[in-house]
Every structure is written in C-alpha cells, then in structure tokens.
Amino acid sequence: MSVADMIDAELDDLHADQTSPGMAAVARDLARSIDDTDVPTAKAAVADKLRSIMADLRRLAPVGEKGDAVDDIAEQRAKRRAAAREQAAGG
C-alpha cells in the first residue's frame, strides 16, 4: 500500500475534507510526492511536513459520538453503577 493510499484512508476517517479541505488536499499532495520520489532527503523533508499537517488534522477532527476509549470507559462505569444499584435494591 502506498503512502498516498494510507493518508487518504486516514483523511477519510478524520472527515478532513469536511473540516479542513485545503489542508487535506495538501496532505494528499505531499503523500503522493513521497511515493513519487526516490531521493531520501526529499522524502524526509516532505514526510516531516506531512507529519505536521496530519497532527493538525487529527486535532481538528470531529469527536466521534461513540467508539473511543473514553466512551468505552464511561459505558462500562454506567453498567457497573446500574448493577450496584440493582444489587443494593435487592434485585
């Protein structure tokens, strides 16, 4: 899988085209340029810029309603509390 393919998939997951379309386009261009060159110093320079843009896009990504670790912990805590209330009530 190419760098461009992996970046494209991550950008889709981050909904970057909706939140930051310009930065997403730049990230895609940078990823393609990494794939298109064999010059190690050029790859390193572009990879550093791509890393920075992707970090910004991750920070700007909308928070999902479900599915992250915090949601999982909160759901488990709610289940434990409900079970403890039921047990305390004699059920």
Protein backbone atom coordinates (compact mmCIF):
# COMPACT_ATOMS: atom_id res chain seq x y z
CA MET A 1 0.00 0.00 0.00
CA SER A 2 1.35 3.42 -0.89
CA VAL A 3 1.77 6.35 1.47
CA ALA A 4 -0.89 8.19 -0.54
CA ASP A 5 -3.36 5.33 -0.03
CA MET A 6 -2.73 5.23 3.70
CA ILE A 7 -3.02 9.01 4.09
CA ASP A 8 -6.19 9.04 2.00
CA ALA A 9 -7.76 6.39 4.25
CA GLU A 10 -6.82 8.31 7.38
CA LEU A 11 -8.15 11.56 5.96
CA ASP A 12 -11.45 9.81 5.27
CA ASP A 13 -11.56 8.55 8.87
CA LEU A 14 -10.85 12.06 10.15
CA HIS A 15 -13.52 13.63 7.90
CA ALA A 16 -10.76 16.06 6.91
CA ASP A 17 -12.40 17.01 3.62
CA GLN A 18 -15.32 18.46 5.58
CA THR A 19 -13.36 20.11 8.41
CA SER A 20 -10.22 21.29 6.59
CA PRO A 21 -10.43 20.66 2.85
CA GLY A 22 -7.37 22.73 1.98
CA MET A 23 -5.12 21.01 4.49
CA ALA A 24 -6.46 17.62 3.39
CA ALA A 25 -5.59 18.43 -0.23
CA VAL A 26 -2.06 19.46 0.77
CA ALA A 27 -1.66 16.26 2.78
CA ARG A 28 -2.68 14.20 -0.25
CA ASP A 29 -0.23 16.08 -2.49
CA LEU A 30 2.60 15.58 0.00
CA ALA A 31 1.83 11.87 0.31
CA ARG A 32 1.88 11.47 -3.47
CA SER A 33 5.20 13.29 -3.67
CA ILE A 34 6.68 10.86 -1.13
CA ASP A 35 5.54 7.98 -3.31
CA ASP A 36 6.90 9.64 -6.46
CA THR A 37 10.47 10.28 -5.32
CA ASP A 38 13.42 8.04 -4.58
CA VAL A 39 15.55 10.82 -3.06
CA PRO A 40 15.85 10.06 0.68
CA THR A 41 16.43 13.66 1.76
CA ALA A 42 13.41 14.84 -0.22
CA LYS A 43 11.27 12.07 1.30
CA ALA A 44 12.43 13.05 4.79
CA ALA A 45 11.65 16.73 4.28
CA VAL A 46 8.22 16.04 2.83
CA ALA A 47 7.45 13.42 5.49
CA ASP A 48 8.18 15.98 8.20
CA LYS A 49 5.75 18.46 6.64
CA LEU A 50 3.15 15.72 6.17
CA ARG A 51 3.52 14.62 9.80
CA SER A 52 2.89 18.18 10.95
CA ILE A 53 -0.21 18.62 8.78
CA MET A 54 -1.62 15.25 9.83
CA ALA A 55 -1.12 16.15 13.51
CA ASP A 56 -3.09 19.36 12.93
CA LEU A 57 -5.83 17.48 11.09
CA ARG A 58 -6.10 14.93 13.90
CA ARG A 59 -6.58 17.75 16.40
CA LEU A 60 -9.26 19.33 14.20
CA ALA A 61 -11.14 16.09 13.59
CA PRO A 62 -14.66 15.98 15.00
CA VAL A 63 -15.02 13.89 18.11
CA GLY A 64 -16.98 10.74 17.42
CA GLU A 65 -20.18 10.14 19.31
CA LYS A 66 -19.19 6.59 20.15
CA GLY A 67 -16.31 4.27 19.84
CA ASP A 68 -13.36 5.91 21.50
CA ALA A 69 -11.72 4.68 24.71
CA VAL A 70 -13.33 7.38 26.86
CA ASP A 71 -16.80 6.33 25.66
CA ASP A 72 -15.99 2.69 26.39
CA ILE A 73 -14.85 3.50 29.93
CA ALA A 74 -17.93 5.65 30.58
CA GLU A 75 -20.21 2.90 29.30
CA GLN A 76 -18.54 0.27 31.50
CA ARG A 77 -18.80 2.57 34.53
CA ALA A 78 -22.51 3.16 33.87
CA LYS A 79 -23.12 -0.59 33.65
CA ARG A 80 -21.26 -1.20 36.94
CA ARG A 81 -23.24 1.55 38.69
CA ALA A 82 -26.53 0.18 37.40
CA ALA A 83 -25.59 -3.31 38.57
CA ALA A 84 -24.57 -1.97 42.01
CA ARG A 85 -27.87 -0.05 42.36
CA GLU A 86 -29.81 -3.16 41.39
CA GLN A 87 -27.90 -5.28 43.87
CA ALA A 88 -28.36 -2.68 46.64
CA ALA A 89 -32.08 -2.61 45.92
CA GLY A 90 -32.21 -6.35 46.50
CA GLY A 91 -32.54 -7.37 42.86
